Protein backbone atom coordinates (compact mmCIF):
# COMPACT_ATOMS: atom_id res chain seq x y z
CA MET A 1 12.60 19.01 45.45
CA ALA A 2 13.29 16.78 42.63
CA CYS A 3 13.38 13.89 44.69
CA LEU A 4 10.26 14.80 46.45
CA ALA A 5 8.52 14.96 43.27
CA ALA A 6 9.85 12.02 42.17
CA ARG A 7 8.66 10.28 45.36
CA ALA A 8 5.27 11.70 44.87
CA SER A 9 5.05 10.33 41.09
CA ARG A 10 5.89 6.86 42.37
CA CYS A 11 3.35 6.96 44.92
CA LEU A 12 0.71 8.33 42.54
CA THR A 13 1.84 5.23 40.07
CA ALA A 14 1.59 2.81 42.93
CA ARG A 15 -2.01 4.01 44.17
CA ALA A 16 -3.07 4.40 40.21
CA PHE A 17 -1.98 0.42 40.26
CA ILE A 18 -3.45 -0.51 43.32
CA ALA A 19 -7.06 0.70 42.37
CA ALA A 20 -6.68 -0.72 39.07
CA SER A 21 -6.03 -4.04 40.72
CA CYS A 22 -9.20 -3.91 42.83
CA ARG A 23 -11.21 -3.47 40.31
CA ARG A 24 -10.25 -6.01 38.37
CA LEU A 25 -10.65 -8.20 41.42
CA ALA A 26 -13.98 -6.88 42.29
CA ALA A 27 -15.24 -7.54 38.72
CA GLU A 28 -13.69 -11.17 38.82
CA ALA A 29 -15.63 -12.05 42.37
CA ALA A 30 -18.60 -10.50 41.53
CA PRO A 31 -19.98 -12.65 38.75
CA ARG A 32 -18.76 -15.97 40.92
CA ALA A 33 -20.72 -14.48 43.87
CA SER A 34 -23.46 -14.06 42.09
CA GLY A 35 -23.66 -17.41 40.14
CA ALA A 36 -24.47 -15.25 36.90
CA ALA A 37 -24.12 -17.51 34.00
CA GLY A 38 -25.25 -14.41 31.51
CA MET A 39 -25.19 -10.80 31.45
CA ALA A 40 -28.02 -8.73 31.56
CA LEU A 41 -28.41 -6.16 29.00
CA THR A 42 -30.37 -2.86 28.53
CA PHE A 43 -30.31 -1.30 25.67
CA SER A 44 -32.36 1.54 24.78
CA SER A 45 -32.99 4.69 23.11
CA PRO A 46 -35.31 8.08 23.75
CA GLN A 47 -37.91 7.09 21.06
CA GLN A 48 -37.66 2.97 22.13
CA VAL A 49 -36.64 0.17 24.69
CA PHE A 50 -34.57 -3.04 22.67
CA PHE A 51 -33.51 -5.03 25.92
CA GLU A 52 -34.93 -4.31 29.41
CA ALA A 53 -32.67 -6.78 31.68
CA ALA A 54 -32.32 -9.19 28.91
CA ASP A 55 -29.89 -12.11 29.67
CA VAL A 56 -27.31 -12.20 26.41
CA LYS A 57 -24.29 -14.20 25.47
CA GLN A 58 -22.29 -11.17 24.22
CA VAL A 59 -22.49 -7.71 22.94
CA ASP A 60 -20.08 -5.96 20.10
CA VAL A 61 -20.21 -2.24 20.38
CA PRO A 62 -18.66 0.38 18.24
CA THR A 63 -16.76 2.96 20.45
CA LEU A 64 -14.31 6.00 19.77
CA THR A 65 -11.54 4.01 21.36
CA GLY A 66 -12.45 1.12 18.80
CA SER A 67 -15.06 -1.62 18.44
CA PHE A 68 -15.09 -4.31 21.08
CA GLY A 69 -16.95 -7.47 22.64
CA VAL A 70 -18.46 -7.86 25.84
CA LEU A 71 -18.97 -10.97 27.43
CA PRO A 72 -20.26 -11.69 31.04
CA HIS A 73 -17.23 -11.52 33.73
CA HIS A 74 -16.11 -8.17 31.39
CA VAL A 75 -13.99 -6.11 33.65
CA PRO A 76 -16.11 -2.80 34.66
CA THR A 77 -15.90 0.03 31.53
CA LEU A 78 -17.56 2.93 30.42
CA ALA A 79 -17.40 4.14 26.87
CA VAL A 80 -18.74 6.81 24.42
CA LEU A 81 -20.44 5.00 21.31
CA LYS A 82 -19.40 6.22 17.87
CA PRO A 83 -21.85 5.38 14.64
CA GLY A 84 -21.99 2.08 13.91
CA VAL A 85 -23.05 -1.65 13.92
CA VAL A 86 -24.66 -2.99 17.49
CA LEU A 87 -24.55 -6.66 17.37
CA VAL A 88 -26.28 -8.89 20.13
CA HIS A 89 -25.31 -12.51 20.31
CA MET A 90 -28.09 -14.24 22.12
CA HIS A 91 -27.94 -17.91 23.56
CA ASP A 92 -29.95 -19.43 21.10
CA GLY A 93 -27.55 -18.47 18.13
CA SER A 94 -29.58 -15.78 17.13
CA ALA A 95 -28.18 -12.11 16.72
CA ASN A 96 -29.65 -8.87 15.99
CA LYS A 97 -28.03 -6.06 14.47
CA PHE A 98 -28.41 -2.05 15.67
CA PHE A 99 -27.29 1.15 13.94
CA VAL A 100 -26.47 3.70 16.29
CA SER A 101 -25.44 7.47 16.12
CA SER A 102 -24.04 7.49 19.13
CA GLY A 103 -24.46 6.82 22.97
CA SER A 104 -22.69 5.33 26.11
CA LEU A 105 -21.71 2.16 27.24
CA SER A 106 -21.49 1.31 30.91
CA VAL A 107 -20.34 -2.52 31.86
CA ASN A 108 -20.99 -2.97 35.25
CA ALA A 109 -18.97 -5.89 37.74
CA ASP A 110 -22.04 -7.80 38.51
CA SER A 111 -22.30 -8.43 34.42
CA SER A 112 -25.11 -6.13 33.70
CA VAL A 113 -25.04 -4.12 30.64
CA GLN A 114 -26.40 -0.48 29.71
CA LEU A 115 -26.38 0.63 26.50
CA LEU A 116 -27.99 4.27 25.82
CA ALA A 117 -27.96 5.12 22.08
CA GLU A 118 -28.77 8.56 21.31
CA GLU A 119 -30.53 7.17 18.21
CA ALA A 120 -30.66 2.99 17.36
CA TYR A 121 -33.30 1.45 14.66
CA PRO A 122 -32.80 -2.42 14.00
CA LEU A 123 -30.20 -2.48 10.44
CA GLU A 124 -33.44 -4.07 8.84
CA TYR A 125 -35.30 -1.02 8.65
CA PHE A 126 -32.47 0.39 6.36
CA ASP A 127 -32.43 0.64 2.97
CA VAL A 128 -29.11 0.46 0.68
CA GLN A 129 -30.95 2.26 -1.94
CA THR A 130 -32.42 5.19 0.19
CA ALA A 131 -29.21 5.39 2.08
CA LYS A 132 -27.27 5.57 -1.03
CA SER A 133 -29.14 8.39 -2.27
CA CYS A 134 -28.75 10.23 1.29
CA LEU A 135 -25.30 10.16 1.37
CA GLU A 136 -25.04 11.48 -2.51
CA LYS A 137 -27.09 14.47 -1.34
CA ALA A 138 -24.88 14.83 2.05
CA GLN A 139 -22.13 14.94 0.34
CA ALA A 140 -23.12 17.40 -1.90
CA GLU A 141 -24.15 19.80 0.84
CA LEU A 142 -20.71 19.05 2.35
CA GLN A 143 -19.26 19.93 -0.82
CA ALA A 144 -21.36 23.51 -0.62
CA ALA A 145 -20.95 24.12 2.71
CA GLN A 146 -19.21 27.06 4.19
CA PRO A 147 -16.87 26.67 7.04
CA GLY A 148 -18.38 26.72 10.25
CA PRO A 149 -21.63 24.56 11.86
CA ASN A 150 -22.93 23.60 8.72
CA GLN A 151 -20.20 22.22 7.25
CA ALA A 152 -19.55 20.17 10.75
CA GLU A 153 -22.83 18.98 10.61
CA ALA A 154 -22.82 18.39 7.11
CA ARG A 155 -19.18 16.12 8.06
CA ILE A 156 -21.20 14.21 10.57
CA THR A 157 -23.93 13.28 8.44
CA VAL A 158 -21.77 12.32 6.02
CA GLU A 159 -19.50 10.65 8.37
CA THR A 160 -22.58 8.66 10.11
CA LEU A 161 -23.89 7.54 6.48
CA GLU A 162 -20.56 6.05 5.07
CA VAL A 163 -20.70 3.81 8.38
CA LEU A 164 -24.59 3.11 7.44
CA MET A 165 -23.42 2.37 3.78
CA LYS A 166 -20.84 -0.40 5.19
CA ALA A 167 -22.96 -1.91 7.00
CA LEU A 168 -25.44 -2.81 5.11
CA GLU A 169 -23.20 -4.15 2.19
């Protein structure tokens, strides 16, 4: 019985390796076949569309597994966004900064990227003094909150505002 389990485990490991290799090869082959030099970014929130299939040089994103940059021909990826700054690098050397609360990222084999944020605003929309005031108020609410949903909501608000303050500094 142990021999059968070991053989099945090796078989599953080999299949996972082959599947990952095939995905990587497909990701590398697709951009060459299309001849695409850039990356098509679609970035939106329920309130606004910031980019719609725009040709961009690079996108830096904050995710639950860490922040990373996406360049053309990136390996297909799915990720969950965490509060932080999304930085969109344009081909002319300019960059656009957005603060996102959460959302999802999808990087496809054809070098297209979809960034869907629950909330997203250009970083210049925020004022340091207002953010600082909101953070102090949220910290006081967290201290006064009873354990439960209100405390969890207050903690999320504080954490998000702390990230915003770092981005504005």
